[in-house]
Amino acid sequence: MTETVWNVLHSVKDPEIDSISIVDLGMVNRIIEGEGRVTIELLPTFMGCPALDIIKSNVLKACKEQLGTGEVDVKFVYTTPWTSSRLTEKGRESLKEFGIAPPPRDFTGEEDWQIHCPYCDSPYTSMENLFGPTACRSILYCKQCKNPFEAMKPISTMV
């Protein structure tokens, strides 16, 4: 059943970035099955993310529709913090397709944050505003193709 639940969770998209699933975003911590019940633990990308209630509702709805059961609990856990290294390769590509530069792989917080344009892959970009439309994104400008774009902020347990 766990594999079936994973497949269902692949259909649940981030409500703010509808090209990426919560699985590819790295939000699924674990799935616990027992006594006719499934508990899905999710890791919020940011502590105060306003979309958590929507994500929980979408997970419950998808499980009910696709699994035919209402015996599903969704819990947000914070003991294993989400980091941007949890993004899958598919998730990184989905962000680019949406026009958002993915964070660097395995960011430790000790190196500079290098951002390439999601449209032309140019490294010649400038930070326009550290604060974007959501807490997890910043606004940048590409000096090569002249497009504004957003970048997902890197998060590390070292920061």
Protein backbone atom coordinates (compact mmCIF):
# COMPACT_ATOMS: atom_id res chain seq x y z
CA MET A 1 0.00 0.00 0.00
CA THR A 2 2.90 2.40 0.71
CA GLU A 3 3.85 2.50 -2.99
CA THR A 4 0.23 3.33 -3.87
CA VAL A 5 0.24 6.20 -1.36
CA TRP A 6 3.50 7.53 -2.87
CA ASN A 7 1.85 7.44 -6.31
CA VAL A 8 -1.12 9.40 -4.97
CA LEU A 9 1.17 11.98 -3.40
CA HIS A 10 2.88 12.51 -6.76
CA SER A 11 -0.47 13.88 -7.96
CA VAL A 12 -0.63 16.51 -5.18
CA LYS A 13 0.91 19.73 -6.46
CA ASP A 14 2.28 22.65 -4.50
CA PRO A 15 -0.60 25.19 -4.51
CA GLU A 16 1.78 28.07 -5.28
CA ILE A 17 3.86 26.25 -7.93
CA ASP A 18 1.47 23.94 -9.73
CA SER A 19 4.16 22.28 -11.85
CA ILE A 20 5.78 20.47 -8.91
CA SER A 21 4.45 17.72 -6.67
CA ILE A 22 4.97 17.68 -2.93
CA VAL A 23 7.05 14.51 -3.47
CA ASP A 24 9.43 16.19 -5.93
CA LEU A 25 9.57 19.22 -3.64
CA GLY A 26 10.86 16.85 -0.94
CA MET A 27 8.05 17.53 1.52
CA VAL A 28 7.13 13.89 2.21
CA ASN A 29 9.10 12.76 5.25
CA ARG A 30 7.56 9.31 5.62
CA ILE A 31 4.42 7.23 5.28
CA ILE A 32 3.34 5.13 8.24
CA GLU A 33 0.81 2.33 7.82
CA GLY A 34 -0.90 0.46 10.59
CA GLU A 35 -4.25 -0.83 11.79
CA GLY A 36 -6.20 0.29 8.71
CA ARG A 37 -4.80 3.79 8.92
CA VAL A 38 -2.18 5.74 6.95
CA THR A 39 -0.25 8.62 8.49
CA ILE A 40 1.61 10.91 6.10
CA GLU A 41 4.33 13.08 7.61
CA LEU A 42 5.13 16.24 5.67
CA LEU A 43 7.99 18.68 6.10
CA PRO A 44 7.05 22.34 5.51
CA THR A 45 9.50 24.15 3.24
CA PHE A 46 9.22 27.19 5.53
CA MET A 47 7.96 27.34 9.11
CA GLY A 48 5.26 29.93 8.44
CA CYS A 49 4.20 28.73 4.98
CA PRO A 50 0.63 29.96 4.41
CA ALA A 51 -0.17 27.07 2.07
CA LEU A 52 0.07 24.28 4.69
CA ASP A 53 -3.68 24.01 5.26
CA ILE A 54 -4.26 23.83 1.50
CA ILE A 55 -1.58 21.16 1.08
CA LYS A 56 -3.07 19.09 3.91
CA SER A 57 -6.55 19.40 2.42
CA ASN A 58 -5.28 18.43 -1.06
CA VAL A 59 -3.46 15.37 0.32
CA LEU A 60 -6.58 14.21 2.18
CA LYS A 61 -8.77 14.79 -0.89
CA ALA A 62 -6.39 12.94 -3.24
CA CYS A 63 -6.11 9.99 -0.82
CA LYS A 64 -9.87 9.76 -0.42
CA GLU A 65 -10.48 9.95 -4.19
CA GLN A 66 -7.66 7.65 -5.28
CA LEU A 67 -7.41 5.23 -2.35
CA GLY A 68 -11.08 5.14 -1.47
CA THR A 69 -10.41 5.58 2.21
CA GLY A 70 -10.86 8.35 4.71
CA GLU A 71 -8.48 6.70 7.20
CA VAL A 72 -5.62 9.09 6.45
CA ASP A 73 -3.86 11.47 8.82
CA VAL A 74 -1.59 14.24 7.60
CA LYS A 75 0.89 15.64 10.08
CA PHE A 76 3.47 18.35 9.64
CA VAL A 77 6.73 17.50 11.37
CA TYR A 78 9.59 19.84 12.14
CA THR A 79 12.12 17.58 13.85
CA THR A 80 13.77 16.74 10.53
CA PRO A 81 13.91 20.17 8.92
CA TRP A 82 13.29 20.50 5.20
CA THR A 83 16.33 21.57 3.21
CA SER A 84 16.61 22.51 -0.44
CA SER A 85 18.76 19.39 -1.01
CA ARG A 86 15.52 17.37 -0.70
CA LEU A 87 14.37 18.55 -4.14
CA THR A 88 14.42 15.75 -6.70
CA GLU A 89 15.95 16.25 -10.15
CA LYS A 90 12.43 16.21 -11.59
CA GLY A 91 11.46 18.85 -9.02
CA ARG A 92 14.39 21.05 -10.03
CA GLU A 93 13.35 20.80 -13.69
CA SER A 94 9.71 21.51 -12.79
CA LEU A 95 10.76 24.71 -11.02
CA LYS A 96 12.71 25.83 -14.10
CA GLU A 97 9.71 25.11 -16.35
CA PHE A 98 7.63 27.31 -14.07
CA GLY A 99 10.25 30.09 -14.37
CA ILE A 100 11.79 29.66 -10.92
CA ALA A 101 15.51 29.05 -10.52
CA PRO A 102 16.04 26.07 -8.22
CA PRO A 103 18.35 26.45 -5.22
CA PRO A 104 21.88 25.07 -5.43
CA ARG A 105 22.36 21.38 -4.73
CA ASP A 106 23.67 20.49 -1.29
CA PHE A 107 23.81 24.08 -0.08
CA THR A 108 25.62 24.33 3.27
CA GLY A 109 25.22 28.05 3.88
CA GLU A 110 28.96 28.57 3.86
CA GLU A 111 29.27 29.30 0.13
CA ASP A 112 27.84 32.11 -2.02
CA TRP A 113 24.42 31.52 -3.50
CA GLN A 114 24.97 31.25 -7.28
CA ILE A 115 21.78 31.67 -9.30
CA HIS A 116 21.43 30.83 -12.97
CA CYS A 117 18.55 32.15 -15.06
CA PRO A 118 15.85 29.46 -15.49
CA TYR A 119 15.21 30.70 -19.06
CA CYS A 120 18.71 30.94 -20.60
CA ASP A 121 20.89 29.36 -17.86
CA SER A 122 23.06 32.47 -17.70
CA PRO A 123 25.03 33.03 -14.47
CA TYR A 124 24.85 36.80 -15.10
CA THR A 125 21.99 37.60 -12.77
CA SER A 126 21.34 40.19 -10.12
CA MET A 127 19.24 40.09 -6.98
CA GLU A 128 16.43 42.63 -7.27
CA ASN A 129 14.69 41.78 -4.02
CA LEU A 130 15.52 39.12 -1.43
CA PHE A 131 11.81 38.97 -0.63
CA GLY A 132 9.61 37.54 -3.37
CA PRO A 133 5.90 36.76 -3.56
CA THR A 134 6.33 34.02 -0.94
CA ALA A 135 8.79 33.50 1.93
CA CYS A 136 10.67 30.82 0.00
CA ARG A 137 11.41 32.90 -3.13
CA SER A 138 13.44 35.94 -4.18
CA ILE A 139 13.17 38.16 -7.26
CA LEU A 140 16.11 38.38 -9.67
CA TYR A 141 16.96 39.81 -13.09
CA CYS A 142 18.91 38.12 -15.89
CA LYS A 143 21.43 40.44 -17.53
CA GLN A 144 21.75 38.07 -20.51
CA CYS A 145 18.14 37.54 -21.66
CA LYS A 146 16.76 40.59 -19.79
CA ASN A 147 14.01 38.62 -18.03
CA PRO A 148 12.97 39.02 -14.42
CA PHE A 149 12.53 35.73 -12.60
CA GLU A 150 12.15 34.18 -9.18
CA ALA A 151 14.57 31.90 -7.38
CA MET A 152 13.80 29.46 -4.61
CA LYS A 153 15.88 30.34 -1.56
CA PRO A 154 18.38 27.71 -0.48
CA ILE A 155 17.78 26.27 2.96
CA SER A 156 20.34 24.31 4.91
CA THR A 157 20.46 22.96 8.42
CA MET A 158 23.81 24.80 8.67
CA VAL A 159 22.30 28.27 8.08
